Each structure stands twice: as structure tokens, then as C-alpha cells.
């Protein structure tokens, strides 16, 4: 049953800090204005040892996420915990949200008369850490529990700023300060500025391994993230971890179910009490800040060919599939539903039974997925034709499940990238497209690296988004792959990736 926000009498209401809202959940919900925070009903079974819980939302979200189609608020209430909910900026970076959250945490500390425990979903975990470490809010917080927070960034954010997918993400309005800051290179810099002084606030983490139902945006996100290891459709397990945090659980949750009360509350409730550990069973994993295995990626699952741009209505793309490929999944993202898509194999077999699903993720929200899978695809050149009544923006992802994916490697050192096959002396041909961003300033360059490694150019501070288009020959058959990487260069010229 949906609970009410704490009703406060007139005199007490006048004593509340500015920005605290009293009212009811459901119809007439809080409007989601950044900086406003809301107090849940005080439960009758409140225990003195229970810390108040502050729930912090993630990217493109609001406080509503904790009670709309979610039993987290009710679960906390029924277990005897005071609760608070805050609205942050849904599309701003961790610096803006950290400063705002720090100010409101001080208000909450005075309101409750004690420290709160933060439970944060997704980017909310990064905003919370920014508030504690960079904006002085640590005295008001007992500990932080993060539910699939991309502590090391998201490769999906890298994709949204890449040369192939950037067209679509930009036209959909999904390239903003928040998604910019979640690129893995930018987050590597944030980690360097943050992890050296994490403070004494314990961080406890959760990660998920389910991608969501077939056809959903989380399923598509998980398909792309597979090459980086287990993930929940939006964040990899590796990224959900902190080097000095305690990992409570890695479970079969996707990026949405991990924040459901029935999914995870019982697993972290012991950490909401004075003393902080209860009788909870954890993995017992606490990681060294210098442990390289903390964020090691898995580079051998699914390979991709990526293409994208703007179409006047009819658009054709092609890609090569090698002989030993087991499966190919084609996903054509567009800013609108298309009239018709046709996939043609080198054997002239045609496929047009595409499933269509709207994307609701943070990076391509508003796009439409047109997806089809072909088992045991014929080797050779595949083509896809999109027919539409008018112009559209598109992004093609061809995911190829093949043993070749284990053989293609990209190593980097001191800004130099080396692309090779570990089973061939002959190197593949590579074209590198560089998109360099510093805020709203953008530079674009293309480099051909068939006879040399690629050295990151010195273009000053900012995020360097690199798209490697790889072409080679395998047993007489052409193949293609695309890899996207992100590097951040700071004021002193140091690289972070």
C-alpha cells in the first residue's frame, strides 16, 4: 500500500528547512524541482537504532523512481525506517549535483537530528560521493549504499559521443552534462581526483547481471556491454565496484529491478542500523585501491560493426561477416519508426521480420530499435536497406558472435594504441575517428593507421572519444569490427582511461 509523506502541522511546517515538501505521494506528487526533498511517514515501529534513509535517484530520473512502480518506500516504512527523498538535476554532472546534495544533506542532518544513510541508484551514487568528498557533506552521512552505480563510467556513454552514434544521441537531446561526465575517460579522471581522499564514509556496492527482457532497451544495452563483462543492461559489474568499497552482492538484477524494495532491501537493511553490519551476509570482498582487477574488462564476447548518420529517407549500409561466425544480431536505431527494413545476406536470402521497441535508456532515450537475429549467417558481405517516408537519423549495430572476437586486441600505453590479431603476424587495417570534446567545444579528425600504431594527438584538455574501424582478412574472407574508447586529458596533460 502506498504510504503518505509525513504530514506536518502549521507551526512545525514553518520550522522546516526551505525545500522540504509536505504532501502526499500519488496524485499531486512532488513536482521534481531540483533541490526539493520530501519526508516519508514516520513508521509506528520506528527503532532508535535505525538511521534515516535518504534515497537518491539516477540519470534522467527523479524522486518518483522510489515509489512509482517500486515498493522500496513501502518496504523501508514497513521495516521501521524513516525516509527522505530528493530531486537532483536529472541531466547535470556530478559537480552540480554534488554541490546541491551537500547543501541539502546538511538540512536533513538538522531535521532528523542525526546522520542519514544514503541509498543511491545509478549515477546517484556518483553524485553522492561528489557531495561527500568534494563538497564537505561527510559529517552528515553514516554510510553510502550504491545500487549499480557506474563508478568507472559507462561504455554506453562513450558510444553516445562516438562518431557513428553521436548523430542520433545528439538529435534526441541525450548528450548533456550528465552523459558527458559518464564517459569512461572522464570518470577515470574523477576517480583520480576522488579516490585518493575517499574519507571515512563506508561505501557498500551492488551490481547486476541481467539485461532485461528480449527487445527492451536494457537488452540492447547489455548486448553492447557484453564485451566488457557481466552487466545489468546499463552498467557493468566492474564499473559498479569501488576499490575501497565492500561489495554486498552481485545478483540477477537488471538496471531497474536492482532498485526494487523486494529485490535488494533485505540485503542491505542490516547496514541501516547503528553499528552498521547487522547479521548481513556479504561477499566479504574489499578491494585495494591499486588492484587492477577491480575494473578489468572482458574483451572476448561479442564483436560489433557500427555505422550511423543522417538519411534523407532511403539508406543502405553494409558489413562483412567471417566464415566462423555463429550468429549476427542487427539493430537499427532511429529517431522514428521506419516504414521498412530489409536485410540481405551474401547468399541473397532476405530478412524483414524486424522487432520494434522504443528505447527508454538514458543515452538513446526516444529512439526506436529495429532488431533481427540470424543464426549461422552466411560468410561475406551483408547489406541492410532502410526505407522511410522522410529524413531520419540512425545508428546501426551489427553484433557478431564469433571466435574471431577473442583474437582482435587493442593495447594502449602512454597514449599510443596498438591494434592487432594475436593469431596473425599481419595486422588489420584501421581507421581512427577522433571526436574531441571540452564542454561544448568539439573537434573531429580522421586517421588511417594501416602501417603504424595510433598516437593520441595533443589537442589540450578534454575528452577524446576514439572510434576504431577495423578491416582485415580471415581465411580468405573479409571481416570488420568497430571499437569505441574514451580518454580524458587533464590540465597537466595527464591521460586517464
Protein backbone atom coordinates (compact mmCIF):
# COMPACT_ATOMS: atom_id res chain seq x y z
CA UNK A 1 0.00 0.00 0.00
CA UNK A 2 1.39 3.42 -0.94
CA UNK A 3 2.32 5.48 2.10
CA UNK A 4 1.92 9.19 2.64
CA UNK A 5 4.56 11.84 3.02
CA UNK A 6 4.83 12.96 6.60
CA UNK A 7 2.08 15.49 7.29
CA UNK A 8 3.49 18.39 9.26
CA UNK A 9 1.37 20.82 11.32
CA UNK A 10 1.44 24.53 10.57
CA UNK A 11 3.87 25.54 13.31
CA UNK A 12 6.29 22.71 12.62
CA UNK A 13 6.00 23.26 8.90
CA UNK A 14 7.21 26.80 9.35
CA UNK A 15 10.30 25.40 11.04
CA UNK A 16 11.16 23.06 8.18
CA UNK A 17 14.17 23.97 6.04
CA UNK A 18 13.38 25.60 2.71
CA UNK A 19 12.95 22.96 0.06
CA UNK A 20 11.28 20.34 2.25
CA UNK A 21 7.91 19.38 0.84
CA UNK A 22 4.99 18.00 2.82
CA UNK A 23 2.14 16.48 0.89
CA UNK A 24 1.03 13.13 -0.48
CA UNK A 25 2.50 10.68 -2.93
CA UNK A 26 0.39 9.53 -5.85
CA UNK A 27 -1.78 12.21 -7.46
CA UNK A 28 -0.36 15.66 -6.82
CA UNK A 29 3.13 14.20 -6.48
CA UNK A 30 6.09 16.43 -5.68
CA UNK A 31 6.94 18.27 -8.90
CA UNK A 32 10.54 17.10 -9.11
CA UNK A 33 12.15 20.52 -8.72
CA UNK A 34 15.91 20.12 -8.14
CA UNK A 35 16.79 20.76 -4.50
CA UNK A 36 13.39 19.88 -3.04
CA UNK A 37 13.33 16.95 -0.68
CA UNK A 38 10.49 15.04 0.89
CA UNK A 39 9.99 13.24 4.17
CA UNK A 40 8.19 9.92 4.37
CA UNK A 41 5.69 8.99 7.07
CA UNK A 42 7.28 8.07 10.39
CA UNK A 43 6.53 4.37 11.00
CA UNK A 44 4.91 3.22 14.23
CA UNK A 45 7.61 0.57 14.65
CA UNK A 46 10.50 3.05 14.43
CA UNK A 47 13.54 1.87 16.38
CA UNK A 48 16.13 4.19 17.89
CA UNK A 49 18.93 2.24 16.23
CA UNK A 50 17.64 2.77 12.70
CA UNK A 51 19.26 5.58 10.74
CA UNK A 52 17.03 7.63 8.41
CA UNK A 53 17.44 6.64 4.77
CA UNK A 54 17.94 9.19 2.01
CA UNK A 55 17.10 7.75 -1.41
CA UNK A 56 18.96 9.38 -4.33
CA UNK A 57 17.86 8.86 -7.95
CA UNK A 58 20.00 8.49 -11.06
CA UNK A 59 20.30 9.83 -14.61
CA UNK A 60 17.14 11.24 -16.24
CA UNK A 61 15.13 10.32 -13.17
CA UNK A 62 13.52 11.88 -10.10
CA UNK A 63 12.46 11.03 -6.55
CA UNK A 64 9.37 9.34 -8.04
CA UNK A 65 11.52 6.38 -9.04
CA UNK A 66 11.43 5.10 -5.43
CA UNK A 67 7.65 4.77 -5.20
CA UNK A 68 6.25 4.71 -8.75
CA UNK A 69 6.10 1.03 -9.77
CA UNK A 70 8.53 0.40 -6.94
CA UNK A 71 7.93 -0.92 -3.43
CA UNK A 72 11.22 0.42 -1.98
CA UNK A 73 9.50 3.18 0.00
CA UNK A 74 6.81 0.84 1.37
CA UNK A 75 9.43 -1.78 2.24
CA UNK A 76 11.51 0.72 4.20
CA UNK A 77 8.39 2.00 6.01
CA UNK A 78 7.21 -1.47 6.96
CA UNK A 79 10.66 -2.29 8.34
CA UNK A 80 10.59 0.72 10.67
CA UNK A 81 12.82 3.25 8.90
CA UNK A 82 12.40 6.99 8.49
CA UNK A 83 12.85 8.01 4.88
CA UNK A 84 13.66 11.04 2.78
CA UNK A 85 13.75 11.55 -0.99
CA UNK A 86 15.45 14.26 -3.00
CA UNK A 87 15.25 15.60 -6.54
CA UNK A 88 18.59 16.44 -8.14
CA UNK A 89 19.26 17.77 -11.63
CA UNK A 90 18.38 14.87 -13.96
CA UNK A 91 20.85 15.86 -16.71
CA UNK A 92 23.69 17.65 -14.90
CA UNK A 93 27.07 16.31 -13.88
CA UNK A 94 28.32 15.12 -10.51
CA UNK A 95 29.76 18.55 -9.69
CA UNK A 96 26.45 20.42 -9.90
CA UNK A 97 24.52 17.62 -8.21
CA UNK A 98 27.22 17.09 -5.59
CA UNK A 99 27.12 20.73 -4.55
CA UNK A 100 23.31 20.73 -4.37
CA UNK A 101 23.14 17.45 -2.48
CA UNK A 102 25.75 18.57 0.06
CA UNK A 103 23.67 21.63 0.92
CA UNK A 104 20.53 19.53 1.39
CA UNK A 105 22.31 16.86 3.42
CA UNK A 106 23.15 19.49 5.99
CA UNK A 107 19.45 20.43 6.16
CA UNK A 108 18.47 16.79 6.60
CA UNK A 109 21.01 16.31 9.36
CA UNK A 110 19.43 19.15 11.34
CA UNK A 111 15.91 17.96 10.54
CA UNK A 112 16.45 14.37 11.70
CA UNK A 113 18.98 15.24 14.39
CA UNK A 114 21.33 12.53 13.19
CA UNK A 115 23.27 11.26 10.18
CA UNK A 116 21.49 9.61 7.28
CA UNK A 117 22.36 6.52 5.27
CA UNK A 118 22.30 7.21 1.53
CA UNK A 119 20.84 4.59 -0.80
CA UNK A 120 21.65 5.70 -4.35
CA UNK A 121 20.74 4.24 -7.71
CA UNK A 122 22.98 4.50 -10.77
CA UNK A 123 24.55 7.98 -11.26
CA UNK A 124 23.09 8.99 -7.88
CA UNK A 125 25.97 7.07 -6.30
CA UNK A 126 28.49 9.27 -8.08
CA UNK A 127 26.58 12.43 -7.13
CA UNK A 128 26.59 11.25 -3.51
CA UNK A 129 30.33 10.62 -3.48
CA UNK A 130 30.94 14.02 -5.04
CA UNK A 131 28.89 15.65 -2.25
CA UNK A 132 30.87 13.84 0.45
CA UNK A 133 34.40 14.15 -0.91
CA UNK A 134 34.34 17.42 -2.84
CA UNK A 135 31.64 19.48 -1.11
CA UNK A 136 32.09 18.68 2.57
CA UNK A 137 28.95 16.63 3.28
CA UNK A 138 30.72 13.72 5.00
CA UNK A 139 29.79 14.87 8.57
CA UNK A 140 26.10 14.35 7.75
CA UNK A 141 26.28 10.82 6.35
CA UNK A 142 26.75 7.49 8.12
CA UNK A 143 27.41 5.38 5.00
CA UNK A 144 26.50 5.08 1.32
CA UNK A 145 24.91 2.10 -0.43
CA UNK A 146 25.08 2.21 -4.23
CA UNK A 147 22.81 0.16 -6.49
CA UNK A 148 24.54 -0.36 -9.83
CA UNK A 149 26.37 2.96 -9.81
CA UNK A 150 28.74 3.45 -12.79
CA UNK A 151 31.69 4.38 -10.59
CA UNK A 152 34.06 3.96 -13.54
CA UNK A 153 31.67 5.32 -16.18
CA UNK A 154 29.65 3.59 -18.85
CA UNK A 155 30.75 2.39 -22.26
CA UNK A 156 27.24 3.33 -23.43
CA UNK A 157 28.09 6.96 -22.67
CA UNK A 158 31.24 6.53 -24.78
CA UNK A 159 29.05 5.20 -27.56
CA UNK A 160 26.72 8.22 -27.37
CA UNK A 161 29.69 10.51 -28.09
CA UNK A 162 31.27 8.34 -30.79
CA UNK A 163 31.50 9.32 -34.44
CA UNK A 164 28.86 6.77 -35.53
CA UNK A 165 26.25 7.06 -32.77
CA UNK A 166 26.73 10.72 -31.86
CA UNK A 167 24.39 11.86 -34.64
CA UNK A 168 21.44 10.02 -33.16
CA UNK A 169 22.19 10.74 -29.49
CA UNK A 170 22.60 14.41 -30.30
CA UNK A 171 19.35 14.79 -32.23
CA UNK A 172 17.48 13.02 -29.42
CA UNK A 173 18.84 15.53 -26.90
CA UNK A 174 20.65 12.88 -24.87
CA UNK A 175 24.11 14.41 -24.99
CA UNK A 176 24.16 16.59 -21.90
CA UNK A 177 26.41 17.38 -18.96
CA UNK A 178 25.42 14.14 -17.19
CA UNK A 179 26.08 11.76 -20.08
CA UNK A 180 29.26 13.68 -20.97
CA UNK A 181 30.58 13.13 -17.44
CA UNK A 182 29.79 9.39 -17.56
CA UNK A 183 32.22 8.68 -20.39
CA UNK A 184 34.80 6.23 -19.09
CA UNK A 185 37.71 8.59 -19.71
CA UNK A 186 36.04 11.43 -17.81
CA UNK A 187 35.17 9.09 -14.95
CA UNK A 188 38.76 7.84 -14.80
CA UNK A 189 39.75 11.44 -14.12
CA UNK A 190 37.00 11.76 -11.49
CA UNK A 191 38.31 8.63 -9.80
CA UNK A 192 41.84 10.09 -9.74
CA UNK A 193 40.53 13.25 -8.06
CA UNK A 194 38.30 11.36 -5.63
CA UNK A 195 39.82 8.02 -4.65
CA UNK A 196 42.96 9.50 -3.15
CA UNK A 197 40.82 11.08 -0.43
CA UNK A 198 37.72 8.88 -0.05
CA UNK A 199 37.22 9.93 3.59
CA UNK A 200 35.96 7.66 6.33
CA UNK A 201 32.46 7.09 4.97
CA UNK A 202 31.92 3.39 4.16
CA UNK A 203 30.72 2.61 0.64
CA UNK A 204 28.78 -0.59 0.01
CA UNK A 205 28.02 -1.65 -3.54
CA UNK A 206 25.61 -3.80 -5.54
CA UNK A 207 25.88 -4.91 -9.16
CA UNK A 208 23.53 -6.70 -11.55
CA UNK A 209 23.97 -9.36 -14.22
CA UNK A 210 20.57 -9.45 -16.00
CA UNK A 211 19.96 -7.44 -19.19
CA UNK A 212 16.18 -7.24 -19.17
CA UNK A 213 13.68 -8.88 -21.48
CA UNK A 214 14.42 -9.51 -25.15
CA UNK A 215 13.71 -6.43 -27.24
CA UNK A 216 13.99 -3.99 -24.34
CA UNK A 217 16.47 -1.12 -24.29
CA UNK A 218 18.30 -2.81 -21.41
CA UNK A 219 18.62 -5.94 -23.50
CA UNK A 220 20.20 -3.91 -26.29
CA UNK A 221 22.47 -2.10 -23.83
CA UNK A 222 23.51 -5.41 -22.32
CA UNK A 223 24.30 -6.81 -25.75
CA UNK A 224 26.70 -3.95 -26.40
CA UNK A 225 28.22 -4.14 -22.91
CA UNK A 226 28.85 -7.89 -23.12
CA UNK A 227 32.37 -7.39 -24.43
CA UNK A 228 33.16 -5.55 -21.20
CA UNK A 229 31.91 -8.32 -18.93
CA UNK A 230 28.76 -9.10 -16.90
CA UNK A 231 26.31 -6.19 -16.75
CA UNK A 232 22.73 -5.19 -15.97
CA UNK A 233 21.95 -3.64 -19.34
CA UNK A 234 23.36 -0.21 -18.41
CA UNK A 235 26.32 -0.69 -16.02
CA UNK A 236 28.96 -3.41 -15.91
CA UNK A 237 29.72 -5.29 -12.71
CA UNK A 238 33.29 -4.00 -12.93
CA UNK A 239 32.06 -0.40 -13.01
CA UNK A 240 29.68 -0.95 -10.08
CA UNK A 241 32.63 -1.66 -7.76
CA UNK A 242 34.78 0.75 -5.80
CA UNK A 243 38.38 -0.15 -4.94
CA UNK A 244 37.84 0.62 -1.23
CA UNK A 245 34.18 -0.36 -1.04
CA UNK A 246 32.58 -3.53 0.25
CA UNK A 247 30.63 -5.45 -2.33
CA UNK A 248 27.40 -6.64 -0.71
CA UNK A 249 26.11 -8.65 -3.64
CA UNK A 250 26.24 -9.30 -7.36
CA UNK A 251 22.83 -10.65 -8.33
CA UNK A 252 20.46 -11.44 -11.16
CA UNK A 253 19.02 -7.92 -11.41
CA UNK A 254 18.77 -5.60 -14.37
CA UNK A 255 19.33 -1.86 -14.03
CA UNK A 256 15.73 -1.25 -12.98
CA UNK A 257 14.95 -4.24 -10.77
CA UNK A 258 18.07 -3.67 -8.66
CA UNK A 259 16.36 -0.65 -7.06
CA UNK A 260 13.15 -2.52 -6.20
CA UNK A 261 12.49 -2.96 -2.49
CA UNK A 262 11.71 -6.67 -2.77
CA UNK A 263 14.96 -7.17 -4.71
CA UNK A 264 17.64 -5.66 -2.51
CA UNK A 265 16.30 -4.06 0.70
CA UNK A 266 16.72 -7.19 2.84
CA UNK A 267 20.31 -7.47 1.63
CA UNK A 268 21.34 -4.01 2.84
CA UNK A 269 18.92 -3.38 5.73
CA UNK A 270 21.49 -4.54 8.28
CA UNK A 271 23.72 -1.63 7.25
CA UNK A 272 21.00 0.92 8.04
CA UNK A 273 21.28 0.38 11.78
CA UNK A 274 23.65 1.77 14.37
CA UNK A 275 26.81 -0.29 14.21
CA UNK A 276 26.13 -0.82 10.56
CA UNK A 277 26.64 -4.50 9.91
CA UNK A 278 23.74 -6.38 11.46
CA UNK A 279 23.75 -10.05 10.56
CA UNK A 280 24.02 -9.49 6.83
CA UNK A 281 25.83 -11.99 4.67
CA UNK A 282 28.19 -10.33 2.19
CA UNK A 283 30.75 -11.48 -0.32
CA UNK A 284 33.43 -10.12 2.01
CA UNK A 285 35.25 -8.53 -0.92
CA UNK A 286 37.09 -5.33 -0.09
CA UNK A 287 39.37 -4.22 -2.89
CA UNK A 288 42.71 -2.48 -2.82
CA UNK A 289 42.63 0.95 -4.42
CA UNK A 290 45.55 -0.20 -6.58
CA UNK A 291 44.00 -3.53 -7.61
CA UNK A 292 43.94 -3.60 -11.42
CA UNK A 293 41.48 -6.49 -11.37
CA UNK A 294 38.89 -4.08 -9.97
CA UNK A 295 37.96 -2.71 -13.36
CA UNK A 296 39.36 -5.35 -15.68
CA UNK A 297 37.21 -5.70 -18.79
CA UNK A 298 36.28 -8.81 -20.69
CA UNK A 299 37.37 -8.32 -24.26
CA UNK A 300 36.23 -11.56 -25.84
CA UNK A 301 32.46 -11.87 -26.08
CA UNK A 302 30.58 -10.14 -28.90
CA UNK A 303 32.20 -8.05 -31.64
CA UNK A 304 30.45 -5.19 -33.39
CA UNK A 305 30.31 -3.29 -36.61
CA UNK A 306 28.92 0.22 -36.07
CA UNK A 307 27.62 2.72 -38.59
CA UNK A 308 25.40 5.79 -38.39
CA UNK A 309 24.45 9.20 -39.63
CA UNK A 310 21.62 11.15 -41.26
CA UNK A 311 19.38 9.76 -44.00
CA UNK A 312 17.12 11.57 -46.46
CA UNK A 313 14.65 8.67 -46.34
CA UNK A 314 16.23 5.64 -48.02
CA UNK A 315 19.52 4.47 -46.54
CA UNK A 316 21.76 1.47 -47.26
CA UNK A 317 24.65 0.13 -45.17
CA UNK A 318 26.80 -2.98 -45.50
CA UNK A 319 29.20 -5.02 -43.38
CA UNK A 320 31.22 -8.22 -43.66
CA UNK A 321 30.75 -11.41 -41.63
CA UNK A 322 33.51 -14.02 -41.45
CA UNK A 323 33.05 -17.75 -42.05
CA UNK A 324 33.16 -19.00 -38.46
CA UNK A 325 30.52 -16.58 -37.11
CA UNK A 326 27.82 -18.31 -35.06
CA UNK A 327 25.23 -15.52 -35.01
CA UNK A 328 24.65 -11.94 -36.05
CA UNK A 329 22.15 -9.57 -34.43
CA UNK A 330 21.34 -6.43 -36.38
CA UNK A 331 19.89 -3.46 -34.52
CA UNK A 332 18.94 -0.32 -36.45
CA UNK A 333 18.25 2.57 -34.07
CA UNK A 334 16.38 5.55 -35.44
CA UNK A 335 14.69 8.66 -34.12
CA UNK A 336 11.42 7.30 -35.55
CA UNK A 337 9.76 4.02 -36.51
CA UNK A 338 10.74 3.11 -40.03
CA UNK A 339 8.40 2.01 -42.79
CA UNK A 340 10.51 -0.95 -43.85
CA UNK A 341 13.89 -2.60 -43.22
CA UNK A 342 15.38 -5.35 -45.34
CA UNK A 343 18.50 -7.36 -44.52
CA UNK A 344 20.13 -9.28 -47.39
CA UNK A 345 22.83 -11.93 -46.97
CA UNK A 346 25.61 -12.79 -49.42
CA UNK A 347 23.55 -15.85 -50.39
CA UNK A 348 20.73 -13.42 -51.38
CA UNK A 349 18.45 -14.63 -48.60
CA UNK A 350 16.37 -11.71 -47.34
CA UNK A 351 15.12 -10.96 -43.82
CA UNK A 352 12.48 -8.37 -42.97
CA UNK A 353 10.85 -9.61 -39.76
CA UNK A 354 12.35 -6.93 -37.52
CA UNK A 355 11.03 -6.44 -33.99
CA UNK A 356 10.46 -2.79 -33.00
CA UNK A 357 10.89 -1.45 -29.48
CA UNK A 358 11.16 2.07 -28.05
CA UNK A 359 14.33 2.88 -26.12
CA UNK A 360 13.87 4.27 -22.61
CA UNK A 361 17.52 4.31 -21.54
CA UNK A 362 19.47 7.42 -20.62
CA UNK A 363 21.73 7.53 -23.68
CA UNK A 364 19.35 6.83 -26.59
CA UNK A 365 16.05 7.57 -24.90
CA UNK A 366 13.40 8.26 -27.53
CA UNK A 367 14.97 6.14 -30.25
CA UNK A 368 13.40 3.03 -31.79
CA UNK A 369 15.19 -0.31 -32.02
CA UNK A 370 14.59 -2.39 -35.16
CA UNK A 371 16.17 -5.73 -34.39
CA UNK A 372 16.65 -9.12 -36.03
CA UNK A 373 18.92 -12.12 -35.32
CA UNK A 374 20.27 -14.57 -37.89
CA UNK A 375 21.76 -17.87 -36.73
CA UNK A 376 24.68 -19.37 -38.68
CA UNK A 377 24.97 -16.38 -41.02
CA UNK A 378 26.49 -16.87 -44.46
CA UNK A 379 30.03 -15.56 -44.84
CA UNK A 380 30.53 -12.47 -46.95
CA UNK A 381 29.01 -9.04 -47.43
CA UNK A 382 25.65 -8.32 -45.81
CA UNK A 383 23.56 -5.29 -46.71
CA UNK A 384 20.65 -3.57 -45.00
CA UNK A 385 18.27 -1.08 -46.57
CA UNK A 386 16.04 1.27 -44.60
CA UNK A 387 13.04 2.84 -46.31
CA UNK A 388 11.20 5.71 -44.69
CA UNK A 389 8.76 8.40 -45.74
CA UNK A 390 11.12 11.18 -44.72
CA UNK A 391 14.55 12.03 -43.27
CA UNK A 392 15.75 10.26 -40.14
CA UNK A 393 18.84 9.83 -38.02
CA UNK A 394 20.10 6.32 -37.49
CA UNK A 395 22.70 4.14 -35.79
CA UNK A 396 23.42 0.59 -36.95
CA UNK A 397 24.88 -2.02 -34.63
CA UNK A 398 25.70 -5.43 -36.07
CA UNK A 399 26.70 -7.72 -33.19
CA UNK A 400 28.70 -10.70 -34.45
CA UNK A 401 29.16 -13.72 -32.22
CA UNK A 402 32.37 -15.31 -33.43
CA UNK A 403 35.67 -16.87 -32.22
CA UNK A 404 37.41 -14.00 -34.02
CA UNK A 405 36.36 -11.67 -31.21
CA UNK A 406 38.87 -13.33 -28.90
CA UNK A 407 41.71 -12.71 -31.33
CA UNK A 408 41.34 -8.98 -32.02
CA UNK A 409 43.07 -6.81 -29.41
CA UNK A 410 43.74 -3.14 -28.73
CA UNK A 411 46.50 -2.30 -26.28
CA UNK A 412 47.29 1.22 -25.12
CA UNK A 413 50.25 2.76 -23.35
CA UNK A 414 51.19 6.40 -22.94
CA UNK A 415 48.54 7.46 -25.43
CA UNK A 416 49.66 5.00 -28.12
CA UNK A 417 47.13 2.41 -29.31
CA UNK A 418 48.20 -0.88 -30.87
CA UNK A 419 45.58 -2.87 -32.83
CA UNK A 420 46.50 -6.47 -33.72
CA UNK A 421 45.38 -10.09 -34.04
CA UNK A 422 47.02 -12.48 -31.61
CA UNK A 423 46.92 -15.34 -34.14
CA UNK A 424 48.33 -13.47 -37.14
CA UNK A 425 51.52 -11.58 -37.78
CA UNK A 426 49.81 -9.40 -40.36
CA UNK A 427 47.98 -6.50 -38.78
CA UNK A 428 44.48 -5.44 -39.85
CA UNK A 429 43.87 -2.04 -41.42
CA UNK A 430 42.48 0.55 -39.03
CA UNK A 431 40.79 3.92 -39.41
CA UNK A 432 40.51 6.01 -36.26
CA UNK A 433 37.90 8.73 -35.96
CA UNK A 434 38.58 11.16 -33.15
CA UNK A 435 35.89 13.29 -31.55
CA UNK A 436 37.44 15.62 -29.01
CA UNK A 437 35.17 17.47 -26.58
CA UNK A 438 35.79 20.13 -24.00
CA UNK A 439 32.38 21.19 -22.81
CA UNK A 440 30.54 22.37 -25.93
CA UNK A 441 33.72 22.76 -27.98
CA UNK A 442 34.13 19.95 -30.47
CA UNK A 443 36.92 18.89 -32.84
CA UNK A 444 36.82 15.99 -35.29
CA UNK A 445 39.68 14.26 -37.12
CA UNK A 446 40.21 11.01 -39.05
CA UNK A 447 43.44 8.98 -39.06
CA UNK A 448 44.45 5.93 -41.14
CA UNK A 449 46.77 3.54 -39.29
CA UNK A 450 47.38 0.62 -41.65
CA UNK A 451 51.15 0.78 -41.21
CA UNK A 452 51.63 2.25 -37.74
CA UNK A 453 50.17 2.49 -34.27
CA UNK A 454 47.85 5.34 -33.43
CA UNK A 455 49.28 8.05 -31.19
CA UNK A 456 46.76 10.25 -29.41
CA UNK A 457 47.33 13.81 -30.69
CA UNK A 458 47.96 16.65 -28.28
CA UNK A 459 44.85 18.80 -28.53
CA UNK A 460 44.64 20.02 -24.96
CA UNK A 461 42.29 19.28 -22.10
CA UNK A 462 39.08 17.35 -22.72
CA UNK A 463 37.50 14.01 -23.57
CA UNK A 464 38.99 12.20 -26.57
CA UNK A 465 36.40 9.79 -27.99
CA UNK A 466 38.05 7.30 -30.34
CA UNK A 467 36.28 5.05 -32.86
CA UNK A 468 38.47 2.28 -34.30
CA UNK A 469 37.08 0.85 -37.56
CA UNK A 470 38.99 -2.39 -38.19
CA UNK A 471 39.18 -4.26 -41.51
CA UNK A 472 41.01 -7.50 -42.20
CA UNK A 473 41.03 -10.89 -43.87
CA UNK A 474 40.28 -14.22 -42.21
CA UNK A 475 40.80 -17.39 -44.27
CA UNK A 476 40.09 -15.56 -47.47
CA UNK A 477 37.01 -13.79 -46.10
CA UNK A 478 36.82 -10.11 -45.21
CA UNK A 479 35.81 -9.09 -41.72
CA UNK A 480 35.07 -5.79 -39.97
CA UNK A 481 34.84 -4.66 -36.38
CA UNK A 482 34.36 -1.35 -34.54
CA UNK A 483 35.71 -0.47 -31.10
CA UNK A 484 34.97 2.74 -29.18
CA UNK A 485 37.30 4.03 -26.46
CA UNK A 486 37.43 7.15 -24.30
CA UNK A 487 40.42 9.05 -22.88
CA UNK A 488 40.42 12.17 -20.71
CA UNK A 489 43.34 14.62 -20.76
CA UNK A 490 43.55 16.94 -17.77
CA UNK A 491 45.04 20.43 -17.33
CA UNK A 492 48.51 18.96 -16.83
CA UNK A 493 48.36 16.80 -19.94
CA UNK A 494 47.91 13.56 -17.98
CA UNK A 495 45.81 10.90 -19.69
CA UNK A 496 43.06 8.99 -17.91
CA UNK A 497 41.40 5.93 -19.46
